[in-house]
Amino acid sequence: MNPWPWISGTLMLSGATLALTAAIAIVRFPDTLTRMHAATKPQVVGLILVLQGAAIELFGHGNVWALVLVGVFTLLTAPVVAHLIGRTAYREQRHRDGLLTVNELGDNVDD
């Protein structure tokens, strides 16, 4: 019996579960900074797991390289997007009071 379909199915199901929990967290979390955390970390890990499962299932086809590129570009762009969202939220005062215990930017934010 071939174990690869079970492994790929498990990876895809666990990745989809992480993506679902990230989507629920985005709706339920109270402010932008916590939503940003839910939108980047579990969402990216879930996508990588789904892509790994799909790559195992499509092993030997030319489409596997497209999945690798999607994963690499996601890993490169997600931190940049999260940084820009967090910076914008900070500048517009979209965080809860008392959430930032150390404020290194203070009044020195460049516009």
PDB file of N, CA and C in Angstrom:
ATOM      1  N   MET A   1       0.844  -1.189   0.000  1.00  0.00           N
ATOM      2  CA  MET A   1       0.000   0.000   0.000  1.00  0.00           C
ATOM      3  C   MET A   1       0.884   1.246   0.000  1.00  0.00           C
ATOM      4  N   ASN A   2       0.526   2.186  -0.823  1.00  0.00           N
ATOM      5  CA  ASN A   2       1.293   3.416  -0.988  1.00  0.00           C
ATOM      6  C   ASN A   2       0.909   4.429   0.100  1.00  0.00           C
ATOM      7  N   PRO A   3       1.870   4.895   0.939  1.00  0.00           N
ATOM      8  CA  PRO A   3       1.518   5.834   2.018  1.00  0.00           C
ATOM      9  C   PRO A   3       1.452   7.293   1.567  1.00  0.00           C
ATOM     10  N   TRP A   4       1.916   7.610   0.354  1.00  0.00           N
ATOM     11  CA  TRP A   4       2.005   9.015  -0.060  1.00  0.00           C
ATOM     12  C   TRP A   4       0.662   9.721  -0.147  1.00  0.00           C
ATOM     13  N   PRO A   5      -0.419   9.094  -0.617  1.00  0.00           N
ATOM     14  CA  PRO A   5      -1.699   9.808  -0.589  1.00  0.00           C
ATOM     15  C   PRO A   5      -2.168  10.162   0.825  1.00  0.00           C
ATOM     16  N   TRP A   6      -1.859   9.290   1.780  1.00  0.00           N
ATOM     17  CA  TRP A   6      -2.235   9.591   3.165  1.00  0.00           C
ATOM     18  C   TRP A   6      -1.407  10.750   3.723  1.00  0.00           C
ATOM     19  N   ILE A   7      -0.135  10.759   3.395  1.00  0.00           N
ATOM     20  CA  ILE A   7       0.731  11.840   3.877  1.00  0.00           C
ATOM     21  C   ILE A   7       0.315  13.170   3.257  1.00  0.00           C
ATOM     22  N   SER A   8       0.072  13.176   1.954  1.00  0.00           N
ATOM     23  CA  SER A   8      -0.324  14.429   1.302  1.00  0.00           C
ATOM     24  C   SER A   8      -1.695  14.892   1.790  1.00  0.00           C
ATOM     25  N   GLY A   9      -2.601  13.946   1.994  1.00  0.00           N
ATOM     26  CA  GLY A   9      -3.921  14.325   2.514  1.00  0.00           C
ATOM     27  C   GLY A   9      -3.851  14.891   3.914  1.00  0.00           C
ATOM     28  N   THR A  10      -2.988  14.318   4.748  1.00  0.00           N
ATOM     29  CA  THR A  10      -2.810  14.824   6.104  1.00  0.00           C
ATOM     30  C   THR A  10      -2.208  16.223   6.096  1.00  0.00           C
ATOM     31  N   LEU A  11      -1.225  16.442   5.244  1.00  0.00           N
ATOM     32  CA  LEU A  11      -0.626  17.779   5.143  1.00  0.00           C
ATOM     33  C   LEU A  11      -1.643  18.809   4.659  1.00  0.00           C
ATOM     34  N   MET A  12      -2.414  18.449   3.643  1.00  0.00           N
ATOM     35  CA  MET A  12      -3.406  19.402   3.125  1.00  0.00           C
ATOM     36  C   MET A  12      -4.504  19.681   4.141  1.00  0.00           C
ATOM     37  N   LEU A  13      -4.942  18.661   4.862  1.00  0.00           N
ATOM     38  CA  LEU A  13      -5.991  18.857   5.859  1.00  0.00           C
ATOM     39  C   LEU A  13      -5.494  19.695   7.032  1.00  0.00           C
ATOM     40  N   SER A  14      -4.276  19.452   7.486  1.00  0.00           N
ATOM     41  CA  SER A  14      -3.745  20.259   8.583  1.00  0.00           C
ATOM     42  C   SER A  14      -3.484  21.695   8.141  1.00  0.00           C
ATOM     43  N   GLY A  15      -3.042  21.885   6.910  1.00  0.00           N
ATOM     44  CA  GLY A  15      -2.864  23.246   6.398  1.00  0.00           C
ATOM     45  C   GLY A  15      -4.178  23.986   6.260  1.00  0.00           C
ATOM     46  N   ALA A  16      -5.199  23.290   5.799  1.00  0.00           N
ATOM     47  CA  ALA A  16      -6.524  23.916   5.683  1.00  0.00           C
ATOM     48  C   ALA A  16      -7.079  24.260   7.067  1.00  0.00           C
ATOM     49  N   THR A  17      -6.795  23.419   8.057  1.00  0.00           N
ATOM     50  CA  THR A  17      -7.239  23.709   9.423  1.00  0.00           C
ATOM     51  C   THR A  17      -6.548  24.951   9.969  1.00  0.00           C
ATOM     52  N   LEU A  18      -5.253  25.073   9.728  1.00  0.00           N
ATOM     53  CA  LEU A  18      -4.545  26.283  10.160  1.00  0.00           C
ATOM     54  C   LEU A  18      -5.083  27.528   9.460  1.00  0.00           C
ATOM     55  N   ALA A  19      -5.358  27.421   8.176  1.00  0.00           N
ATOM     56  CA  ALA A  19      -5.909  28.566   7.454  1.00  0.00           C
ATOM     57  C   ALA A  19      -7.295  28.942   7.986  1.00  0.00           C
ATOM     58  N   LEU A  20      -8.092  27.935   8.345  1.00  0.00           N
ATOM     59  CA  LEU A  20      -9.414  28.211   8.916  1.00  0.00           C
ATOM     60  C   LEU A  20      -9.295  28.902  10.267  1.00  0.00           C
ATOM     61  N   THR A  21      -8.393  28.425  11.114  1.00  0.00           N
ATOM     62  CA  THR A  21      -8.218  29.085  12.415  1.00  0.00           C
ATOM     63  C   THR A  21      -7.689  30.508  12.253  1.00  0.00           C
ATOM     64  N   ALA A  22      -6.858  30.736  11.251  1.00  0.00           N
ATOM     65  CA  ALA A  22      -6.369  32.099  10.998  1.00  0.00           C
ATOM     66  C   ALA A  22      -7.517  32.999  10.553  1.00  0.00           C
ATOM     67  N   ALA A  23      -8.395  32.484   9.714  1.00  0.00           N
ATOM     68  CA  ALA A  23      -9.533  33.285   9.258  1.00  0.00           C
ATOM     69  C   ALA A  23     -10.481  33.613  10.413  1.00  0.00           C
ATOM     70  N   ILE A  24     -10.713  32.642  11.286  1.00  0.00           N
ATOM     71  CA  ILE A  24     -11.570  32.897  12.454  1.00  0.00           C
ATOM     72  C   ILE A  24     -10.917  33.917  13.373  1.00  0.00           C
ATOM     73  N   ALA A  25      -9.604  33.815  13.554  1.00  0.00           N
ATOM     74  CA  ALA A  25      -8.893  34.752  14.429  1.00  0.00           C
ATOM     75  C   ALA A  25      -8.924  36.167  13.868  1.00  0.00           C
ATOM     76  N   ILE A  26      -8.847  36.308  12.565  1.00  0.00           N
ATOM     77  CA  ILE A  26      -8.892  37.648  11.969  1.00  0.00           C
ATOM     78  C   ILE A  26     -10.222  38.315  12.272  1.00  0.00           C
ATOM     79  N   VAL A  27     -11.278  37.541  12.267  1.00  0.00           N
ATOM     80  CA  VAL A  27     -12.605  38.100  12.552  1.00  0.00           C
ATOM     81  C   VAL A  27     -12.773  38.391  14.041  1.00  0.00           C
ATOM     82  N   ARG A  28     -12.212  37.560  14.898  1.00  0.00           N
ATOM     83  CA  ARG A  28     -12.482  37.658  16.326  1.00  0.00           C
ATOM     84  C   ARG A  28     -11.514  38.541  17.115  1.00  0.00           C
ATOM     85  N   PHE A  29     -10.294  38.730  16.636  1.00  0.00           N
ATOM     86  CA  PHE A  29      -9.332  39.507  17.403  1.00  0.00           C
ATOM     87  C   PHE A  29      -9.711  40.981  17.408  1.00  0.00           C
ATOM     88  N   PRO A  30      -9.393  41.707  18.507  1.00  0.00           N
ATOM     89  CA  PRO A  30      -9.932  43.046  18.689  1.00  0.00           C
ATOM     90  C   PRO A  30      -9.239  44.178  17.938  1.00  0.00           C
ATOM     91  N   ASP A  31      -7.947  44.076  17.689  1.00  0.00           N
ATOM     92  CA  ASP A  31      -7.275  45.221  17.077  1.00  0.00           C
ATOM     93  C   ASP A  31      -6.370  44.774  15.928  1.00  0.00           C
ATOM     94  N   THR A  32      -5.804  45.755  15.252  1.00  0.00           N
ATOM     95  CA  THR A  32      -5.051  45.494  14.027  1.00  0.00           C
ATOM     96  C   THR A  32      -3.789  44.677  14.269  1.00  0.00           C
ATOM     97  N   LEU A  33      -3.077  44.949  15.345  1.00  0.00           N
ATOM     98  CA  LEU A  33      -1.816  44.251  15.575  1.00  0.00           C
ATOM     99  C   LEU A  33      -2.028  42.764  15.843  1.00  0.00           C
ATOM    100  N   THR A  34      -3.053  42.409  16.606  1.00  0.00           N
ATOM    101  CA  THR A  34      -3.311  40.984  16.830  1.00  0.00           C
ATOM    102  C   THR A  34      -3.893  40.332  15.584  1.00  0.00           C
ATOM    103  N   ARG A  35      -4.687  41.052  14.827  1.00  0.00           N
ATOM    104  CA  ARG A  35      -5.183  40.514  13.557  1.00  0.00           C
ATOM    105  C   ARG A  35      -4.044  40.299  12.571  1.00  0.00           C
ATOM    106  N   MET A  36      -3.069  41.190  12.598  1.00  0.00           N
ATOM    107  CA  MET A  36      -1.915  41.045  11.717  1.00  0.00           C
ATOM    108  C   MET A  36      -1.152  39.764  12.037  1.00  0.00           C
ATOM    109  N   HIS A  37      -1.030  39.441  13.304  1.00  0.00           N
ATOM    110  CA  HIS A  37      -0.363  38.202  13.707  1.00  0.00           C
ATOM    111  C   HIS A  37      -1.119  36.993  13.168  1.00  0.00           C
ATOM    112  N   ALA A  38      -2.435  37.013  13.296  1.00  0.00           N
ATOM    113  CA  ALA A  38      -3.250  35.886  12.808  1.00  0.00           C
ATOM    114  C   ALA A  38      -3.252  35.812  11.287  1.00  0.00           C
ATOM    115  N   ALA A  39      -3.087  36.933  10.642  1.00  0.00           N
ATOM    116  CA  ALA A  39      -3.120  36.922   9.175  1.00  0.00           C
ATOM    117  C   ALA A  39      -1.806  36.457   8.567  1.00  0.00           C
ATOM    118  N   THR A  40      -0.730  36.517   9.319  1.00  0.00           N
ATOM    119  CA  THR A  40       0.558  36.144   8.728  1.00  0.00           C
ATOM    120  C   THR A  40       1.036  34.769   9.157  1.00  0.00           C
ATOM    121  N   LYS A  41       1.178  34.527  10.423  1.00  0.00           N
ATOM    122  CA  LYS A  41       1.839  33.297  10.862  1.00  0.00           C
ATOM    123  C   LYS A  41       1.054  32.031  10.536  1.00  0.00           C
ATOM    124  N   PRO A  42      -0.137  31.813  11.085  1.00  0.00           N
ATOM    125  CA  PRO A  42      -0.814  30.539  10.772  1.00  0.00           C
ATOM    126  C   PRO A  42      -1.269  30.455   9.319  1.00  0.00           C
ATOM    127  N   GLN A  43      -1.564  31.577   8.706  1.00  0.00           N
ATOM    128  CA  GLN A  43      -1.995  31.558   7.315  1.00  0.00           C
ATOM    129  C   GLN A  43      -0.866  31.093   6.396  1.00  0.00           C
ATOM    130  N   VAL A  44       0.325  31.592   6.620  1.00  0.00           N
ATOM    131  CA  VAL A  44       1.470  31.211   5.785  1.00  0.00           C
ATOM    132  C   VAL A  44       1.863  29.757   6.037  1.00  0.00           C
ATOM    133  N   VAL A  45       1.885  29.351   7.293  1.00  0.00           N
ATOM    134  CA  VAL A  45       2.226  27.960   7.600  1.00  0.00           C
ATOM    135  C   VAL A  45       1.178  27.017   7.014  1.00  0.00           C
ATOM    136  N   GLY A  46      -0.091  27.397   7.107  1.00  0.00           N
ATOM    137  CA  GLY A  46      -1.148  26.585   6.506  1.00  0.00           C
ATOM    138  C   GLY A  46      -1.001  26.475   5.003  1.00  0.00           C
ATOM    139  N   LEU A  47      -0.669  27.574   4.349  1.00  0.00           N
ATOM    140  CA  LEU A  47      -0.468  27.538   2.904  1.00  0.00           C
ATOM    141  C   LEU A  47       0.716  26.659   2.538  1.00  0.00           C
ATOM    142  N   ILE A  48       1.802  26.748   3.294  1.00  0.00           N
ATOM    143  CA  ILE A  48       2.979  25.919   3.016  1.00  0.00           C
ATOM    144  C   ILE A  48       2.636  24.438   3.183  1.00  0.00           C
ATOM    145  N   LEU A  49       1.857  24.093   4.200  1.00  0.00           N
ATOM    146  CA  LEU A  49       1.462  22.698   4.383  1.00  0.00           C
ATOM    147  C   LEU A  49       0.591  22.205   3.236  1.00  0.00           C
ATOM    148  N   VAL A  50      -0.340  23.032   2.789  1.00  0.00           N
ATOM    149  CA  VAL A  50      -1.187  22.652   1.649  1.00  0.00           C
ATOM    150  C   VAL A  50      -0.342  22.487   0.388  1.00  0.00           C
ATOM    151  N   LEU A  51       0.610  23.389   0.188  1.00  0.00           N
ATOM    152  CA  LEU A  51       1.490  23.282  -0.981  1.00  0.00           C
ATOM    153  C   LEU A  51       2.378  22.043  -0.915  1.00  0.00           C
ATOM    154  N   GLN A  52       2.847  21.685   0.276  1.00  0.00           N
ATOM    155  CA  GLN A  52       3.641  20.466   0.413  1.00  0.00           C
ATOM    156  C   GLN A  52       2.814  19.232   0.091  1.00  0.00           C
ATOM    157  N   GLY A  53       1.583  19.206   0.575  1.00  0.00           N
ATOM    158  CA  GLY A  53       0.710  18.081   0.265  1.00  0.00           C
ATOM    159  C   GLY A  53       0.403  17.986  -1.215  1.00  0.00           C
ATOM    160  N   ALA A  54       0.169  19.132  -1.839  1.00  0.00           N
ATOM    161  CA  ALA A  54      -0.087  19.129  -3.282  1.00  0.00           C
ATOM    162  C   ALA A  54       1.161  18.729  -4.063  1.00  0.00           C
ATOM    163  N   ALA A  55       2.344  19.140  -3.597  1.00  0.00           N
ATOM    164  CA  ALA A  55       3.581  18.767  -4.286  1.00  0.00           C
ATOM    165  C   ALA A  55       3.828  17.269  -4.192  1.00  0.00           C
ATOM    166  N   ILE A  56       3.512  16.669  -3.061  1.00  0.00           N
ATOM    167  CA  ILE A  56       3.646  15.214  -2.943  1.00  0.00           C
ATOM    168  C   ILE A  56       2.679  14.520  -3.890  1.00  0.00           C
ATOM    169  N   GLU A  57       1.478  15.044  -3.978  1.00  0.00           N
ATOM    170  CA  GLU A  57       0.474  14.434  -4.859  1.00  0.00           C
ATOM    171  C   GLU A  57       0.836  14.598  -6.335  1.00  0.00           C
ATOM    172  N   LEU A  58       1.448  15.719  -6.695  1.00  0.00           N
ATOM    173  CA  LEU A  58       1.793  15.997  -8.090  1.00  0.00           C
ATOM    174  C   LEU A  58       3.250  15.679  -8.421  1.00  0.00           C
ATOM    175  N   PHE A  59       3.929  14.914  -7.583  1.00  0.00           N
ATOM    176  CA  PHE A  59       5.348  14.628  -7.779  1.00  0.00           C
ATOM    177  C   PHE A  59       5.579  14.024  -9.164  1.00  0.00           C
ATOM    178  N   GLY A  60       6.513  14.603  -9.895  1.00  0.00           N
ATOM    179  CA  GLY A  60       6.834  14.122 -11.230  1.00  0.00           C
ATOM    180  C   GLY A  60       6.223  14.974 -12.329  1.00  0.00           C
ATOM    181  N   HIS A  61       5.333  15.871 -11.988  1.00  0.00           N
ATOM    182  CA  HIS A  61       4.732  16.770 -12.977  1.00  0.00           C
ATOM    183  C   HIS A  61       5.481  18.094 -12.994  1.00  0.00           C
ATOM    184  N   GLY A  62       5.286  18.841 -14.034  1.00  0.00           N
ATOM    185  CA  GLY A  62       5.921  20.151 -14.136  1.00  0.00           C
ATOM    186  C   GLY A  62       5.284  21.197 -13.245  1.00  0.00           C
ATOM    187  N   ASN A  63       4.095  20.913 -12.717  1.00  0.00           N
ATOM    188  CA  ASN A  63       3.389  21.892 -11.884  1.00  0.00           C
ATOM    189  C   ASN A  63       3.982  22.022 -10.493  1.00  0.00           C
ATOM    190  N   VAL A  64       4.838  21.112 -10.109  1.00  0.00           N
ATOM    191  CA  VAL A  64       5.424  21.169  -8.769  1.00  0.00           C
ATOM    192  C   VAL A  64       6.276  22.425  -8.615  1.00  0.00           C
ATOM    193  N   TRP A  65       6.966  22.836  -9.646  1.00  0.00           N
ATOM    194  CA  TRP A  65       7.801  24.041  -9.566  1.00  0.00           C
ATOM    195  C   TRP A  65       6.968  25.297  -9.389  1.00  0.00           C
ATOM    196  N   ALA A  66       5.778  25.310  -9.931  1.00  0.00           N
ATOM    197  CA  ALA A  66       4.884  26.448  -9.706  1.00  0.00           C
ATOM    198  C   ALA A  66       4.473  26.510  -8.235  1.00  0.00           C
ATOM    199  N   LEU A  67       4.242  25.349  -7.625  1.00  0.00           N
ATOM    200  CA  LEU A  67       3.908  25.321  -6.200  1.00  0.00           C
ATOM    201  C   LEU A  67       5.076  25.805  -5.353  1.00  0.00           C
ATOM    202  N   VAL A  68       6.274  25.432  -5.738  1.00  0.00           N
ATOM    203  CA  VAL A  68       7.473  25.889  -5.014  1.00  0.00           C
ATOM    204  C   VAL A  68       7.602  27.406  -5.124  1.00  0.00           C
ATOM    205  N   LEU A  69       7.365  27.944  -6.306  1.00  0.00           N
ATOM    206  CA  LEU A  69       7.445  29.403  -6.485  1.00  0.00           C
ATOM    207  C   LEU A  69       6.389  30.129  -5.660  1.00  0.00           C
ATOM    208  N   VAL A  70       5.187  29.595  -5.610  1.00  0.00           N
ATOM    209  CA  VAL A  70       4.132  30.204  -4.793  1.00  0.00           C
ATOM    210  C   VAL A  70       4.557  30.219  -3.331  1.00  0.00           C
ATOM    211  N   GLY A  71       5.118  29.120  -2.845  1.00  0.00           N
ATOM    212  CA  GLY A  71       5.575  29.066  -1.464  1.00  0.00           C
ATOM    213  C   GLY A  71       6.700  30.040  -1.172  1.00  0.00           C
ATOM    214  N   VAL A  72       7.668  30.124  -2.075  1.00  0.00           N
ATOM    215  CA  VAL A  72       8.798  31.038  -1.868  1.00  0.00           C
ATOM    216  C   VAL A  72       8.340  32.494  -1.891  1.00  0.00           C
ATOM    217  N   PHE A  73       7.505  32.856  -2.837  1.00  0.00           N
ATOM    218  CA  PHE A  73       7.028  34.238  -2.901  1.00  0.00           C
ATOM    219  C   PHE A  73       6.165  34.593  -1.696  1.00  0.00           C
ATOM    220  N   THR A  74       5.397  33.638  -1.198  1.00  0.00           N
ATOM    221  CA  THR A  74       4.617  33.889   0.005  1.00  0.00           C
ATOM    222  C   THR A  74       5.525  34.109   1.203  1.00  0.00           C
ATOM    223  N   LEU A  75       6.558  33.284   1.336  1.00  0.00           N
ATOM    224  CA  LEU A  75       7.487  33.453   2.448  1.00  0.00           C
ATOM    225  C   LEU A  75       8.268  34.765   2.358  1.00  0.00           C
ATOM    226  N   LEU A  76       8.481  35.262   1.154  1.00  0.00           N
ATOM    227  CA  LEU A  76       9.202  36.527   0.992  1.00  0.00           C
ATOM    228  C   LEU A  76       8.313  37.750   1.203  1.00  0.00           C
ATOM    229  N   THR A  77       7.056  37.674   0.806  1.00  0.00           N
ATOM    230  CA  THR A  77       6.204  38.857   0.854  1.00  0.00           C
ATOM    231  C   THR A  77       5.392  38.993   2.134  1.00  0.00           C
ATOM    232  N   ALA A  78       5.083  37.903   2.834  1.00  0.00           N
ATOM    233  CA  ALA A  78       4.247  37.987   4.042  1.00  0.00           C
ATOM    234  C   ALA A  78       4.873  38.846   5.140  1.00  0.00           C
ATOM    235  N   PRO A  79       6.173  38.729   5.436  1.00  0.00           N
ATOM    236  CA  PRO A  79       6.743  39.607   6.468  1.00  0.00           C
ATOM    237  C   PRO A  79       6.738  41.078   6.069  1.00  0.00           C
ATOM    238  N   VAL A  80       6.925  41.350   4.801  1.00  0.00           N
ATOM    239  CA  VAL A  80       6.928  42.743   4.339  1.00  0.00           C
ATOM    240  C   VAL A  80       5.541  43.352   4.487  1.00  0.00           C
ATOM    241  N   VAL A  81       4.534  42.607   4.083  1.00  0.00           N
ATOM    242  CA  VAL A  81       3.151  43.091   4.203  1.00  0.00           C
ATOM    243  C   VAL A  81       2.786  43.283   5.671  1.00  0.00           C
ATOM    244  N   ALA A  82       3.167  42.338   6.531  1.00  0.00           N
ATOM    245  CA  ALA A  82       2.862  42.461   7.958  1.00  0.00           C
ATOM    246  C   ALA A  82       3.553  43.679   8.567  1.00  0.00           C
ATOM    247  N   HIS A  83       4.785  43.925   8.152  1.00  0.00           N
ATOM    248  CA  HIS A  83       5.499  45.097   8.659  1.00  0.00           C
ATOM    249  C   HIS A  83       4.798  46.394   8.240  1.00  0.00           C
ATOM    250  N   LEU A  84       4.399  46.473   6.996  1.00  0.00           N
ATOM    251  CA  LEU A  84       3.733  47.690   6.524  1.00  0.00           C
ATOM    252  C   LEU A  84       2.376  47.897   7.193  1.00  0.00           C
ATOM    253  N   ILE A  85       1.642  46.809   7.399  1.00  0.00           N
ATOM    254  CA  ILE A  85       0.351  46.934   8.092  1.00  0.00           C
ATOM    255  C   ILE A  85       0.564  47.358   9.535  1.00  0.00           C
ATOM    256  N   GLY A  86       1.541  46.764  10.206  1.00  0.00           N
ATOM    257  CA  GLY A  86       1.820  47.142  11.586  1.00  0.00           C
ATOM    258  C   GLY A  86       2.289  48.574  11.714  1.00  0.00           C
ATOM    259  N   ARG A  87       3.106  49.007  10.787  1.00  0.00           N
ATOM    260  CA  ARG A  87       3.583  50.395  10.812  1.00  0.00           C
ATOM    261  C   ARG A  87       2.452  51.384  10.580  1.00  0.00           C
ATOM    262  N   THR A  88       1.581  51.055   9.643  1.00  0.00           N
ATOM    263  CA  THR A  88       0.430  51.923   9.386  1.00  0.00           C
ATOM    264  C   THR A  88      -0.514  51.949  10.580  1.00  0.00           C
ATOM    265  N   ALA A  89      -0.738  50.798  11.196  1.00  0.00           N
ATOM    266  CA  ALA A  89      -1.617  50.743  12.373  1.00  0.00           C
ATOM    267  C   ALA A  89      -1.032  51.542  13.525  1.00  0.00           C
ATOM    268  N   TYR A  90       0.280  51.491  13.680  1.00  0.00           N
ATOM    269  CA  TYR A  90       0.913  52.274  14.740  1.00  0.00           C
ATOM    270  C   TYR A  90       0.775  53.771  14.480  1.00  0.00           C
ATOM    271  N   ARG A  91       1.005  54.166  13.260  1.00  0.00           N
ATOM    272  CA  ARG A  91       0.926  55.593  12.923  1.00  0.00           C
ATOM    273  C   ARG A  91      -0.486  56.138  13.084  1.00  0.00           C
ATOM    274  N   GLU A  92      -1.482  55.309  12.812  1.00  0.00           N
ATOM    275  CA  GLU A  92      -2.868  55.758  12.915  1.00  0.00           C
ATOM    276  C   GLU A  92      -3.477  55.465  14.276  1.00  0.00           C
ATOM    277  N   GLN A  93      -2.642  55.040  15.236  1.00  0.00           N
ATOM    278  CA  GLN A  93      -3.088  54.753  16.605  1.00  0.00           C
ATOM    279  C   GLN A  93      -4.210  53.716  16.638  1.00  0.00           C
ATOM    280  N   ARG A  94      -4.057  52.639  15.881  1.00  0.00           N
ATOM    281  CA  ARG A  94      -5.075  51.590  15.796  1.00  0.00           C
ATOM    282  C   ARG A  94      -4.753  50.402  16.699  1.00  0.00           C
ATOM    283  N   HIS A  95      -4.148  50.634  17.835  1.00  0.00           N
ATOM    284  CA  HIS A  95      -3.841  49.550  18.753  1.00  0.00           C
ATOM    285  C   HIS A  95      -4.477  49.845  20.100  1.00  0.00           C
ATOM    286  N   ARG A  96      -4.615  48.807  20.909  1.00  0.00           N
ATOM    287  CA  ARG A  96      -5.207  48.973  22.232  1.00  0.00           C
ATOM    288  C   ARG A  96      -4.224  49.692  23.141  1.00  0.00           C
ATOM    289  N   ASP A  97      -4.756  50.493  24.031  1.00  0.00           N
ATOM    290  CA  ASP A  97      -3.903  51.167  25.015  1.00  0.00           C
ATOM    291  C   ASP A  97      -3.324  50.131  25.961  1.00  0.00           C
ATOM    292  N   GLY A  98      -2.061  50.241  26.273  1.00  0.00           N
ATOM    293  CA  GLY A  98      -1.387  49.314  27.157  1.00  0.00           C
ATOM    294  C   GLY A  98      -0.869  48.069  26.468  1.00  0.00           C
ATOM    295  N   LEU A  99      -1.118  47.922  25.176  1.00  0.00           N
ATOM    296  CA  LEU A  99      -0.653  46.743  24.452  1.00  0.00           C
ATOM    297  C   LEU A  99       0.852  46.797  24.227  1.00  0.00           C
ATOM    298  N   LEU A 100       1.353  47.983  23.932  1.00  0.00           N
ATOM    299  CA  LEU A 100       2.783  48.150  23.682  1.00  0.00           C
ATOM    300  C   LEU A 100       3.458  48.521  24.998  1.00  0.00           C
ATOM    301  N   THR A 101       4.181  47.584  25.598  1.00  0.00           N
ATOM    302  CA  THR A 101       4.841  47.880  26.867  1.00  0.00           C
ATOM    303  C   THR A 101       6.118  48.685  26.662  1.00  0.00           C
ATOM    304  N   VAL A 102       6.799  48.460  25.556  1.00  0.00           N
ATOM    305  CA  VAL A 102       7.986  49.226  25.209  1.00  0.00           C
ATOM    306  C   VAL A 102       7.701  49.913  23.875  1.00  0.00           C
ATOM    307  N   ASN A 103       7.736  51.223  23.879  1.00  0.00           N
ATOM    308  CA  ASN A 103       7.453  51.984  22.677  1.00  0.00           C
ATOM    309  C   ASN A 103       8.740  52.628  22.219  1.00  0.00           C
ATOM    310  N   GLU A 104       9.458  51.942  21.333  1.00  0.00           N
ATOM    311  CA  GLU A 104      10.766  52.442  20.882  1.00  0.00           C
ATOM    312  C   GLU A 104      10.633  53.564  19.875  1.00  0.00           C
ATOM    313  N   LEU A 105       9.495  53.654  19.215  1.00  0.00           N
ATOM    314  CA  LEU A 105       9.333  54.729  18.241  1.00  0.00           C
ATOM    315  C   LEU A 105       8.946  56.033  18.903  1.00  0.00           C
ATOM    316  N   GLY A 106       8.078  55.958  19.904  1.00  0.00           N
ATOM    317  CA  GLY A 106       7.662  57.159  20.617  1.00  0.00           C
ATOM    318  C   GLY A 106       7.170  58.238  19.686  1.00  0.00           C
ATOM    319  N   ASP A 107       7.723  59.416  19.827  1.00  0.00           N
ATOM    320  CA  ASP A 107       7.350  60.528  18.955  1.00  0.00           C
ATOM    321  C   ASP A 107       8.302  60.689  17.795  1.00  0.00           C
ATOM    322  N   ASN A 108       9.196  59.728  17.564  1.00  0.00           N
ATOM    323  CA  ASN A 108      10.198  59.842  16.516  1.00  0.00           C
ATOM    324  C   ASN A 108       9.790  59.104  15.245  1.00  0.00           C
ATOM    325  N   VAL A 109       8.521  59.066  14.925  1.00  0.00           N
ATOM    326  CA  VAL A 109       8.075  58.382  13.722  1.00  0.00           C
ATOM    327  C   VAL A 109       8.260  59.311  12.542  1.00  0.00           C
ATOM    328  N   ASP A 110       9.031  58.841  11.547  1.00  0.00           N
ATOM    329  CA  ASP A 110       9.231  59.637  10.343  1.00  0.00           C
ATOM    330  C   ASP A 110       8.033  59.490   9.428  1.00  0.00           C
ATOM    331  N   ASP A 111       7.622  60.567   8.832  1.00  0.00           N
ATOM    332  CA  ASP A 111       6.476  60.500   7.898  1.00  0.00           C
ATOM    333  C   ASP A 111       6.920  60.382   6.491  1.00  0.00           C
TER     334      ASP A 111
END
